[in-house]
Structures are given as structure tokens and as C-alpha cells.
């Protein structure tokens, strides 16, 4: 799986309104209500990321979780990043 083009990235971001481009990555911050909610959200991401064998950078800051996706082995964004972003969006909708 190779990197996707700038045009493909722009189209994919149109479908992921909560995600923003940050260099060679896409980033989303989710408000989980409180610290416990933030940790629970991260715990829901873990099995999905493991199943995809694609591991996001995660940062917890009190009630917020920032998720950063990039395919490090490809040096940028691939369809794998947007597939995991879709799954994370589904998990965020639970909150």
C-alpha cells in the first residue's frame, strides 16, 4: 500500500470533517467529557488499531484525546489512515 495523492487526501478529508491535515498526518481531537471518558475512548481504540495493525499516536489531556494518523512505513498518508479514521469516528460517536 503506497501513499495516496494530494487530491485523494483532499477528497478523503472532505468525508472526515473532524480531521485536519498536519504535515504527513491527519489529526482529530475528541472531547470525551472527563478524564475517565478519555481513557475509556483510548481503550476502545486499542483493539481496533491492533486488528488493523495500524497504531495511531494518542495523547490524553484531561478530557480530550488527540489522535494522529500517518503510515510511518510509507512516509505519509495512505488509505490505511483514512480507514482507521473512519473506525475511530464510529467509536467517537458512542461518547
PDB file of N, CA and C in Angstrom:
ATOM      1  N   UNK A   1       0.855  -1.185   0.000  1.00  0.00           N
ATOM      2  CA  UNK A   1       0.000   0.000   0.000  1.00  0.00           C
ATOM      3  C   UNK A   1       0.888   1.230   0.000  1.00  0.00           C
ATOM      4  N   UNK A   2       0.745   2.051  -1.022  1.00  0.00           N
ATOM      5  CA  UNK A   2       1.553   3.254  -1.123  1.00  0.00           C
ATOM      6  C   UNK A   2       0.820   4.496  -0.651  1.00  0.00           C
ATOM      7  N   UNK A   3       1.574   5.564  -0.618  1.00  0.00           N
ATOM      8  CA  UNK A   3       0.987   6.855  -0.250  1.00  0.00           C
ATOM      9  C   UNK A   3      -0.069   7.248  -1.260  1.00  0.00           C
ATOM     10  N   UNK A   4      -1.058   7.991  -0.766  1.00  0.00           N
ATOM     11  CA  UNK A   4      -2.096   8.482  -1.661  1.00  0.00           C
ATOM     12  C   UNK A   4      -1.747   9.908  -2.091  1.00  0.00           C
ATOM     13  N   UNK A   5      -2.339  10.330  -3.208  1.00  0.00           N
ATOM     14  CA  UNK A   5      -2.030  11.646  -3.780  1.00  0.00           C
ATOM     15  C   UNK A   5      -2.664  12.771  -2.959  1.00  0.00           C
ATOM     16  N   UNK A   6      -2.199  13.972  -3.222  1.00  0.00           N
ATOM     17  CA  UNK A   6      -2.769  15.153  -2.555  1.00  0.00           C
ATOM     18  C   UNK A   6      -4.258  15.287  -2.863  1.00  0.00           C
ATOM     19  N   UNK A   7      -4.641  14.994  -4.096  1.00  0.00           N
ATOM     20  CA  UNK A   7      -6.057  15.071  -4.473  1.00  0.00           C
ATOM     21  C   UNK A   7      -6.872  14.031  -3.708  1.00  0.00           C
ATOM     22  N   UNK A   8      -6.331  12.828  -3.558  1.00  0.00           N
ATOM     23  CA  UNK A   8      -7.029  11.784  -2.808  1.00  0.00           C
ATOM     24  C   UNK A   8      -7.140  12.147  -1.334  1.00  0.00           C
ATOM     25  N   UNK A   9      -6.104  12.761  -0.797  1.00  0.00           N
ATOM     26  CA  UNK A   9      -6.134  13.209   0.605  1.00  0.00           C
ATOM     27  C   UNK A   9      -7.231  14.257   0.785  1.00  0.00           C
ATOM     28  N   UNK A  10      -7.287  15.234  -0.118  1.00  0.00           N
ATOM     29  CA  UNK A  10      -8.303  16.290  -0.026  1.00  0.00           C
ATOM     30  C   UNK A  10      -9.708  15.704  -0.086  1.00  0.00           C
ATOM     31  N   UNK A  11      -9.932  14.753  -0.986  1.00  0.00           N
ATOM     32  CA  UNK A  11     -11.240  14.110  -1.101  1.00  0.00           C
ATOM     33  C   UNK A  11     -11.571  13.329   0.160  1.00  0.00           C
ATOM     34  N   UNK A  12     -10.602  12.588   0.667  1.00  0.00           N
ATOM     35  CA  UNK A  12     -10.829  11.790   1.883  1.00  0.00           C
ATOM     36  C   UNK A  12     -11.119  12.694   3.083  1.00  0.00           C
ATOM     37  N   UNK A  13     -10.443  13.826   3.170  1.00  0.00           N
ATOM     38  CA  UNK A  13     -10.702  14.757   4.278  1.00  0.00           C
ATOM     39  C   UNK A  13     -12.081  15.390   4.172  1.00  0.00           C
ATOM     40  N   UNK A  14     -12.589  15.547   2.957  1.00  0.00           N
ATOM     41  CA  UNK A  14     -13.951  16.069   2.791  1.00  0.00           C
ATOM     42  C   UNK A  14     -14.964  15.165   3.483  1.00  0.00           C
ATOM     43  N   UNK A  15     -14.672  13.872   3.528  1.00  0.00           N
ATOM     44  CA  UNK A  15     -15.556  12.895   4.173  1.00  0.00           C
ATOM     45  C   UNK A  15     -15.293  12.752   5.662  1.00  0.00           C
ATOM     46  N   UNK A  16     -14.250  13.355   6.177  1.00  0.00           N
ATOM     47  CA  UNK A  16     -13.867  13.242   7.585  1.00  0.00           C
ATOM     48  C   UNK A  16     -13.783  14.651   8.164  1.00  0.00           C
ATOM     49  N   UNK A  17     -14.919  15.269   8.385  1.00  0.00           N
ATOM     50  CA  UNK A  17     -14.987  16.684   8.776  1.00  0.00           C
ATOM     51  C   UNK A  17     -14.229  17.006  10.062  1.00  0.00           C
ATOM     52  N   UNK A  18     -14.110  16.047  10.963  1.00  0.00           N
ATOM     53  CA  UNK A  18     -13.450  16.315  12.246  1.00  0.00           C
ATOM     54  C   UNK A  18     -11.932  16.155  12.198  1.00  0.00           C
ATOM     55  N   UNK A  19     -11.411  15.724  11.060  1.00  0.00           N
ATOM     56  CA  UNK A  19      -9.976  15.505  10.904  1.00  0.00           C
ATOM     57  C   UNK A  19      -9.354  16.661  10.129  1.00  0.00           C
ATOM     58  N   UNK A  20      -8.107  16.971  10.494  1.00  0.00           N
ATOM     59  CA  UNK A  20      -7.383  18.032   9.808  1.00  0.00           C
ATOM     60  C   UNK A  20      -6.007  17.529   9.405  1.00  0.00           C
ATOM     61  N   UNK A  21      -5.518  18.077   8.342  1.00  0.00           N
ATOM     62  CA  UNK A  21      -4.176  17.726   7.867  1.00  0.00           C
ATOM     63  C   UNK A  21      -3.154  18.402   8.748  1.00  0.00           C
ATOM     64  N   UNK A  22      -2.103  17.651   9.078  1.00  0.00           N
ATOM     65  CA  UNK A  22      -0.982  18.185   9.839  1.00  0.00           C
ATOM     66  C   UNK A  22       0.277  17.564   9.247  1.00  0.00           C
ATOM     67  N   UNK A  23       0.827  18.198   8.233  1.00  0.00           N
ATOM     68  CA  UNK A  23       2.003  17.660   7.548  1.00  0.00           C
ATOM     69  C   UNK A  23       1.678  16.339   6.878  1.00  0.00           C
ATOM     70  N   UNK A  24       2.414  15.295   7.240  1.00  0.00           N
ATOM     71  CA  UNK A  24       2.211  13.962   6.670  1.00  0.00           C
ATOM     72  C   UNK A  24       1.245  13.127   7.498  1.00  0.00           C
ATOM     73  N   UNK A  25       0.372  13.788   8.246  1.00  0.00           N
ATOM     74  CA  UNK A  25      -0.567  13.083   9.127  1.00  0.00           C
ATOM     75  C   UNK A  25      -1.929  13.762   9.077  1.00  0.00           C
ATOM     76  N   UNK A  26      -2.928  13.050   9.620  1.00  0.00           N
ATOM     77  CA  UNK A  26      -4.228  13.653   9.889  1.00  0.00           C
ATOM     78  C   UNK A  26      -4.453  13.561  11.392  1.00  0.00           C
ATOM     79  N   UNK A  27      -5.140  14.571  11.930  1.00  0.00           N
ATOM     80  CA  UNK A  27      -5.283  14.701  13.379  1.00  0.00           C
ATOM     81  C   UNK A  27      -6.726  15.035  13.722  1.00  0.00           C
ATOM     82  N   UNK A  28      -7.193  14.441  14.817  1.00  0.00           N
ATOM     83  CA  UNK A  28      -8.515  14.761  15.348  1.00  0.00           C
ATOM     84  C   UNK A  28      -8.413  14.796  16.868  1.00  0.00           C
ATOM     85  N   UNK A  29      -9.082  15.771  17.495  1.00  0.00           N
ATOM     86  CA  UNK A  29      -9.198  15.823  18.942  1.00  0.00           C
ATOM     87  C   UNK A  29     -10.645  15.574  19.312  1.00  0.00           C
ATOM     88  N   UNK A  30     -10.852  14.636  20.243  1.00  0.00           N
ATOM     89  CA  UNK A  30     -12.189  14.250  20.683  1.00  0.00           C
ATOM     90  C   UNK A  30     -12.371  14.668  22.131  1.00  0.00           C
ATOM     91  N   UNK A  31     -13.437  15.410  22.416  1.00  0.00           N
ATOM     92  CA  UNK A  31     -13.810  15.781  23.782  1.00  0.00           C
ATOM     93  C   UNK A  31     -14.605  14.617  24.360  1.00  0.00           C
ATOM     94  N   UNK A  32     -14.059  13.978  25.375  1.00  0.00           N
ATOM     95  CA  UNK A  32     -14.665  12.781  25.969  1.00  0.00           C
ATOM     96  C   UNK A  32     -15.375  13.073  27.294  1.00  0.00           C
ATOM     97  N   UNK A  33     -15.513  14.342  27.638  1.00  0.00           N
ATOM     98  CA  UNK A  33     -16.284  14.724  28.819  1.00  0.00           C
ATOM     99  C   UNK A  33     -15.484  14.853  30.099  1.00  0.00           C
ATOM    100  N   UNK A  34     -14.608  13.892  30.336  1.00  0.00           N
ATOM    101  CA  UNK A  34     -13.756  13.927  31.530  1.00  0.00           C
ATOM    102  C   UNK A  34     -12.595  12.964  31.308  1.00  0.00           C
ATOM    103  N   UNK A  35     -11.703  12.902  32.298  1.00  0.00           N
ATOM    104  CA  UNK A  35     -10.509  12.073  32.159  1.00  0.00           C
ATOM    105  C   UNK A  35     -10.847  10.596  32.004  1.00  0.00           C
ATOM    106  N   UNK A  36     -11.798  10.124  32.792  1.00  0.00           N
ATOM    107  CA  UNK A  36     -12.197   8.716  32.697  1.00  0.00           C
ATOM    108  C   UNK A  36     -12.744   8.421  31.299  1.00  0.00           C
ATOM    109  N   UNK A  37     -13.548   9.305  30.754  1.00  0.00           N
ATOM    110  CA  UNK A  37     -14.072   9.131  29.415  1.00  0.00           C
ATOM    111  C   UNK A  37     -12.964   9.108  28.373  1.00  0.00           C
ATOM    112  N   UNK A  38     -11.944   9.935  28.578  1.00  0.00           N
ATOM    113  CA  UNK A  38     -10.811   9.960  27.650  1.00  0.00           C
ATOM    114  C   UNK A  38     -10.066   8.629  27.662  1.00  0.00           C
ATOM    115  N   UNK A  39      -9.823   8.102  28.840  1.00  0.00           N
ATOM    116  CA  UNK A  39      -9.137   6.814  28.947  1.00  0.00           C
ATOM    117  C   UNK A  39      -9.996   5.696  28.353  1.00  0.00           C
ATOM    118  N   UNK A  40     -11.289   5.732  28.602  1.00  0.00           N
ATOM    119  CA  UNK A  40     -12.184   4.722  28.022  1.00  0.00           C
ATOM    120  C   UNK A  40     -12.182   4.794  26.499  1.00  0.00           C
ATOM    121  N   UNK A  41     -12.150   5.992  25.944  1.00  0.00           N
ATOM    122  CA  UNK A  41     -12.101   6.149  24.492  1.00  0.00           C
ATOM    123  C   UNK A  41     -10.819   5.536  23.932  1.00  0.00           C
ATOM    124  N   UNK A  42      -9.699   5.829  24.561  1.00  0.00           N
ATOM    125  CA  UNK A  42      -8.428   5.237  24.122  1.00  0.00           C
ATOM    126  C   UNK A  42      -8.510   3.716  24.196  1.00  0.00           C
ATOM    127  N   UNK A  43      -9.106   3.195  25.265  1.00  0.00           N
ATOM    128  CA  UNK A  43      -9.229   1.744  25.402  1.00  0.00           C
ATOM    129  C   UNK A  43     -10.108   1.129  24.313  1.00  0.00           C
ATOM    130  N   UNK A  44     -11.035   1.906  23.766  1.00  0.00           N
ATOM    131  CA  UNK A  44     -11.845   1.409  22.640  1.00  0.00           C
ATOM    132  C   UNK A  44     -11.053   1.443  21.330  1.00  0.00           C
ATOM    133  N   UNK A  45     -10.130   2.384  21.209  1.00  0.00           N
ATOM    134  CA  UNK A  45      -9.300   2.478  20.009  1.00  0.00           C
ATOM    135  C   UNK A  45      -8.316   1.315  19.921  1.00  0.00           C
ATOM    136  N   UNK A  46      -7.770   0.901  21.042  1.00  0.00           N
ATOM    137  CA  UNK A  46      -6.693  -0.091  21.058  1.00  0.00           C
ATOM    138  C   UNK A  46      -7.021  -1.366  20.280  1.00  0.00           C
ATOM    139  N   UNK A  47      -8.151  -2.044  20.536  1.00  0.00           N
ATOM    140  CA  UNK A  47      -8.385  -3.288  19.790  1.00  0.00           C
ATOM    141  C   UNK A  47      -8.609  -3.060  18.293  1.00  0.00           C
ATOM    142  N   UNK A  48      -9.195  -1.936  17.935  1.00  0.00           N
ATOM    143  CA  UNK A  48      -9.412  -1.615  16.523  1.00  0.00           C
ATOM    144  C   UNK A  48      -8.063  -1.382  15.830  1.00  0.00           C
ATOM    145  N   UNK A  49      -7.183  -0.645  16.482  1.00  0.00           N
ATOM    146  CA  UNK A  49      -5.854  -0.385  15.924  1.00  0.00           C
ATOM    147  C   UNK A  49      -5.043  -1.678  15.832  1.00  0.00           C
ATOM    148  N   UNK A  50      -5.133  -2.502  16.838  1.00  0.00           N
ATOM    149  CA  UNK A  50      -4.426  -3.785  16.817  1.00  0.00           C
ATOM    150  C   UNK A  50      -4.929  -4.667  15.686  1.00  0.00           C
ATOM    151  N   UNK A  51      -6.240  -4.737  15.514  1.00  0.00           N
ATOM    152  CA  UNK A  51      -6.817  -5.561  14.447  1.00  0.00           C
ATOM    153  C   UNK A  51      -6.368  -5.080  13.071  1.00  0.00           C
ATOM    154  N   UNK A  52      -6.198  -3.775  12.927  1.00  0.00           N
ATOM    155  CA  UNK A  52      -5.760  -3.198  11.653  1.00  0.00           C
ATOM    156  C   UNK A  52      -4.236  -3.223  11.511  1.00  0.00           C
ATOM    157  N   UNK A  53      -3.548  -3.569  12.596  1.00  0.00           N
ATOM    158  CA  UNK A  53      -2.083  -3.495  12.642  1.00  0.00           C
ATOM    159  C   UNK A  53      -1.613  -2.106  12.194  1.00  0.00           C
ATOM    160  N   UNK A  54      -2.311  -1.102  12.723  1.00  0.00           N
ATOM    161  CA  UNK A  54      -2.029   0.292  12.388  1.00  0.00           C
ATOM    162  C   UNK A  54      -2.233   1.099  13.661  1.00  0.00           C
ATOM    163  N   UNK A  55      -1.184   1.689  14.155  1.00  0.00           N
ATOM    164  CA  UNK A  55      -1.197   2.246  15.503  1.00  0.00           C
ATOM    165  C   UNK A  55      -1.052   3.763  15.487  1.00  0.00           C
ATOM    166  N   UNK A  56      -2.111   4.472  15.913  1.00  0.00           N
ATOM    167  CA  UNK A  56      -2.066   5.934  15.928  1.00  0.00           C
ATOM    168  C   UNK A  56      -1.229   6.460  17.087  1.00  0.00           C
ATOM    169  N   UNK A  57      -0.789   7.691  16.940  1.00  0.00           N
ATOM    170  CA  UNK A  57      -0.222   8.411  18.081  1.00  0.00           C
ATOM    171  C   UNK A  57      -1.412   8.951  18.859  1.00  0.00           C
ATOM    172  N   UNK A  58      -1.415   8.719  20.164  1.00  0.00           N
ATOM    173  CA  UNK A  58      -2.526   9.127  21.023  1.00  0.00           C
ATOM    174  C   UNK A  58      -1.994  10.006  22.149  1.00  0.00           C
ATOM    175  N   UNK A  59      -2.726  11.075  22.447  1.00  0.00           N
ATOM    176  CA  UNK A  59      -2.371  11.954  23.558  1.00  0.00           C
ATOM    177  C   UNK A  59      -3.630  12.269  24.345  1.00  0.00           C
ATOM    178  N   UNK A  60      -3.558  12.066  25.656  1.00  0.00           N
ATOM    179  CA  UNK A  60      -4.673  12.406  26.537  1.00  0.00           C
ATOM    180  C   UNK A  60      -4.313  13.679  27.283  1.00  0.00           C
ATOM    181  N   UNK A  61      -5.215  14.643  27.254  1.00  0.00           N
ATOM    182  CA  UNK A  61      -5.081  15.861  28.036  1.00  0.00           C
ATOM    183  C   UNK A  61      -6.411  16.114  28.713  1.00  0.00           C
ATOM    184  N   UNK A  62      -6.504  15.699  29.957  1.00  0.00           N
ATOM    185  CA  UNK A  62      -7.695  15.715  30.783  1.00  0.00           C
ATOM    186  C   UNK A  62      -8.854  15.035  30.074  1.00  0.00           C
ATOM    187  N   UNK A  63      -9.753  15.778  29.468  1.00  0.00           N
ATOM    188  CA  UNK A  63     -10.947  15.179  28.864  1.00  0.00           C
ATOM    189  C   UNK A  63     -10.821  14.999  27.358  1.00  0.00           C
ATOM    190  N   UNK A  64      -9.710  15.406  26.804  1.00  0.00           N
ATOM    191  CA  UNK A  64      -9.517  15.361  25.347  1.00  0.00           C
ATOM    192  C   UNK A  64      -8.512  14.293  24.940  1.00  0.00           C
ATOM    193  N   UNK A  65      -8.820  13.625  23.841  1.00  0.00           N
ATOM    194  CA  UNK A  65      -7.885  12.680  23.244  1.00  0.00           C
ATOM    195  C   UNK A  65      -7.561  13.190  21.846  1.00  0.00           C
ATOM    196  N   UNK A  66      -6.283  13.366  21.574  1.00  0.00           N
ATOM    197  CA  UNK A  66      -5.841  13.746  20.242  1.00  0.00           C
ATOM    198  C   UNK A  66      -5.275  12.503  19.568  1.00  0.00           C
ATOM    199  N   UNK A  67      -5.809  12.229  18.384  1.00  0.00           N
ATOM    200  CA  UNK A  67      -5.417  11.066  17.600  1.00  0.00           C
ATOM    201  C   UNK A  67      -4.692  11.568  16.363  1.00  0.00           C
ATOM    202  N   UNK A  68      -3.516  11.028  16.114  1.00  0.00           N
ATOM    203  CA  UNK A  68      -2.719  11.409  14.946  1.00  0.00           C
ATOM    204  C   UNK A  68      -2.425  10.144  14.145  1.00  0.00           C
ATOM    205  N   UNK A  69      -2.776  10.170  12.865  1.00  0.00           N
ATOM    206  CA  UNK A  69      -2.590   9.015  11.985  1.00  0.00           C
ATOM    207  C   UNK A  69      -1.657   9.345  10.834  1.00  0.00           C
ATOM    208  N   UNK A  70      -0.725   8.446  10.596  1.00  0.00           N
ATOM    209  CA  UNK A  70       0.173   8.501   9.458  1.00  0.00           C
ATOM    210  C   UNK A  70       0.745   7.098   9.287  1.00  0.00           C
ATOM    211  N   UNK A  71       1.041   6.725   8.076  1.00  0.00           N
ATOM    212  CA  UNK A  71       1.651   5.420   7.845  1.00  0.00           C
ATOM    213  C   UNK A  71       3.159   5.627   7.794  1.00  0.00           C
ATOM    214  N   UNK A  72       3.802   5.415   8.930  1.00  0.00           N
ATOM    215  CA  UNK A  72       5.227   5.713   9.072  1.00  0.00           C
ATOM    216  C   UNK A  72       6.067   4.932   8.065  1.00  0.00           C
ATOM    217  N   UNK A  73       5.694   3.681   7.810  1.00  0.00           N
ATOM    218  CA  UNK A  73       6.476   2.851   6.879  1.00  0.00           C
ATOM    219  C   UNK A  73       6.433   3.384   5.447  1.00  0.00           C
ATOM    220  N   UNK A  74       5.403   4.178   5.130  1.00  0.00           N
ATOM    221  CA  UNK A  74       5.266   4.765   3.790  1.00  0.00           C
ATOM    222  C   UNK A  74       5.686   6.228   3.761  1.00  0.00           C
ATOM    223  N   UNK A  75       5.959   6.799   4.929  1.00  0.00           N
ATOM    224  CA  UNK A  75       6.392   8.188   4.991  1.00  0.00           C
ATOM    225  C   UNK A  75       5.294   9.189   4.721  1.00  0.00           C
ATOM    226  N   UNK A  76       4.047   8.824   5.013  1.00  0.00           N
ATOM    227  CA  UNK A  76       2.943   9.754   4.789  1.00  0.00           C
ATOM    228  C   UNK A  76       1.604   9.055   4.871  1.00  0.00           C
ATOM    229  N   UNK A  77       0.616   9.648   4.251  1.00  0.00           N
ATOM    230  CA  UNK A  77      -0.761   9.171   4.360  1.00  0.00           C
ATOM    231  C   UNK A  77      -1.087   8.109   3.313  1.00  0.00           C
ATOM    232  N   UNK A  78      -1.797   7.084   3.779  1.00  0.00           N
ATOM    233  CA  UNK A  78      -2.274   6.014   2.914  1.00  0.00           C
ATOM    234  C   UNK A  78      -3.761   5.793   3.199  1.00  0.00           C
ATOM    235  N   UNK A  79      -4.376   4.934   2.406  1.00  0.00           N
ATOM    236  CA  UNK A  79      -5.779   4.589   2.647  1.00  0.00           C
ATOM    237  C   UNK A  79      -5.944   3.978   4.035  1.00  0.00           C
ATOM    238  N   UNK A  80      -4.906   3.331   4.535  1.00  0.00           N
ATOM    239  CA  UNK A  80      -4.955   2.722   5.870  1.00  0.00           C
ATOM    240  C   UNK A  80      -5.287   3.768   6.943  1.00  0.00           C
ATOM    241  N   UNK A  81      -4.742   4.962   6.781  1.00  0.00           N
ATOM    242  CA  UNK A  81      -5.005   6.037   7.753  1.00  0.00           C
ATOM    243  C   UNK A  81      -6.467   6.452   7.730  1.00  0.00           C
ATOM    244  N   UNK A  82      -7.021   6.577   6.542  1.00  0.00           N
ATOM    245  CA  UNK A  82      -8.414   7.013   6.446  1.00  0.00           C
ATOM    246  C   UNK A  82      -9.378   5.901   6.840  1.00  0.00           C
ATOM    247  N   UNK A  83      -8.997   4.653   6.615  1.00  0.00           N
ATOM    248  CA  UNK A  83      -9.836   3.534   7.068  1.00  0.00           C
ATOM    249  C   UNK A  83      -9.901   3.521   8.592  1.00  0.00           C
ATOM    250  N   UNK A  84      -8.755   3.720   9.246  1.00  0.00           N
ATOM    251  CA  UNK A  84      -8.756   3.747  10.710  1.00  0.00           C
ATOM    252  C   UNK A  84      -9.463   5.003  11.218  1.00  0.00           C
ATOM    253  N   UNK A  85      -9.327   6.118  10.524  1.00  0.00           N
ATOM    254  CA  UNK A  85     -10.039   7.345  10.912  1.00  0.00           C
ATOM    255  C   UNK A  85     -11.547   7.107  10.910  1.00  0.00           C
ATOM    256  N   UNK A  86     -12.054   6.392   9.902  1.00  0.00           N
ATOM    257  CA  UNK A  86     -13.495   6.085   9.851  1.00  0.00           C
ATOM    258  C   UNK A  86     -13.911   5.260  11.068  1.00  0.00           C
ATOM    259  N   UNK A  87     -13.100   4.289  11.419  1.00  0.00           N
ATOM    260  CA  UNK A  87     -13.429   3.459  12.582  1.00  0.00           C
ATOM    261  C   UNK A  87     -13.371   4.270  13.871  1.00  0.00           C
ATOM    262  N   UNK A  88     -12.387   5.143  13.992  1.00  0.00           N
ATOM    263  CA  UNK A  88     -12.282   5.999  15.180  1.00  0.00           C
ATOM    264  C   UNK A  88     -13.467   6.955  15.249  1.00  0.00           C
ATOM    265  N   UNK A  89     -13.905   7.475  14.118  1.00  0.00           N
ATOM    266  CA  UNK A  89     -15.095   8.330  14.098  1.00  0.00           C
ATOM    267  C   UNK A  89     -16.308   7.572  14.635  1.00  0.00           C
ATOM    268  N   UNK A  90     -16.445   6.314  14.275  1.00  0.00           N
ATOM    269  CA  UNK A  90     -17.559   5.497  14.786  1.00  0.00           C
ATOM    270  C   UNK A  90     -17.459   5.337  16.293  1.00  0.00           C
ATOM    271  N   UNK A  91     -16.244   5.126  16.786  1.00  0.00           N
ATOM    272  CA  UNK A  91     -16.050   4.990  18.233  1.00  0.00           C
ATOM    273  C   UNK A  91     -16.347   6.311  18.947  1.00  0.00           C
ATOM    274  N   UNK A  92     -15.981   7.416  18.342  1.00  0.00           N
ATOM    275  CA  UNK A  92     -16.213   8.730  18.956  1.00  0.00           C
ATOM    276  C   UNK A  92     -17.694   9.040  19.028  1.00  0.00           C
ATOM    277  N   UNK A  93     -18.458   8.517  18.088  1.00  0.00           N
ATOM    278  CA  UNK A  93     -19.910   8.761  18.068  1.00  0.00           C
ATOM    279  C   UNK A  93     -20.607   8.116  19.255  1.00  0.00           C
ATOM    280  N   UNK A  94     -19.954   7.135  19.879  1.00  0.00           N
ATOM    281  CA  UNK A  94     -20.519   6.461  21.051  1.00  0.00           C
ATOM    282  C   UNK A  94     -20.530   7.394  22.246  1.00  0.00           C
ATOM    283  N   UNK A  95     -19.542   8.290  22.319  1.00  0.00           N
ATOM    284  CA  UNK A  95     -19.412   9.169  23.500  1.00  0.00           C
ATOM    285  C   UNK A  95     -20.593  10.063  23.686  1.00  0.00           C
TER     286      UNK A  95
END
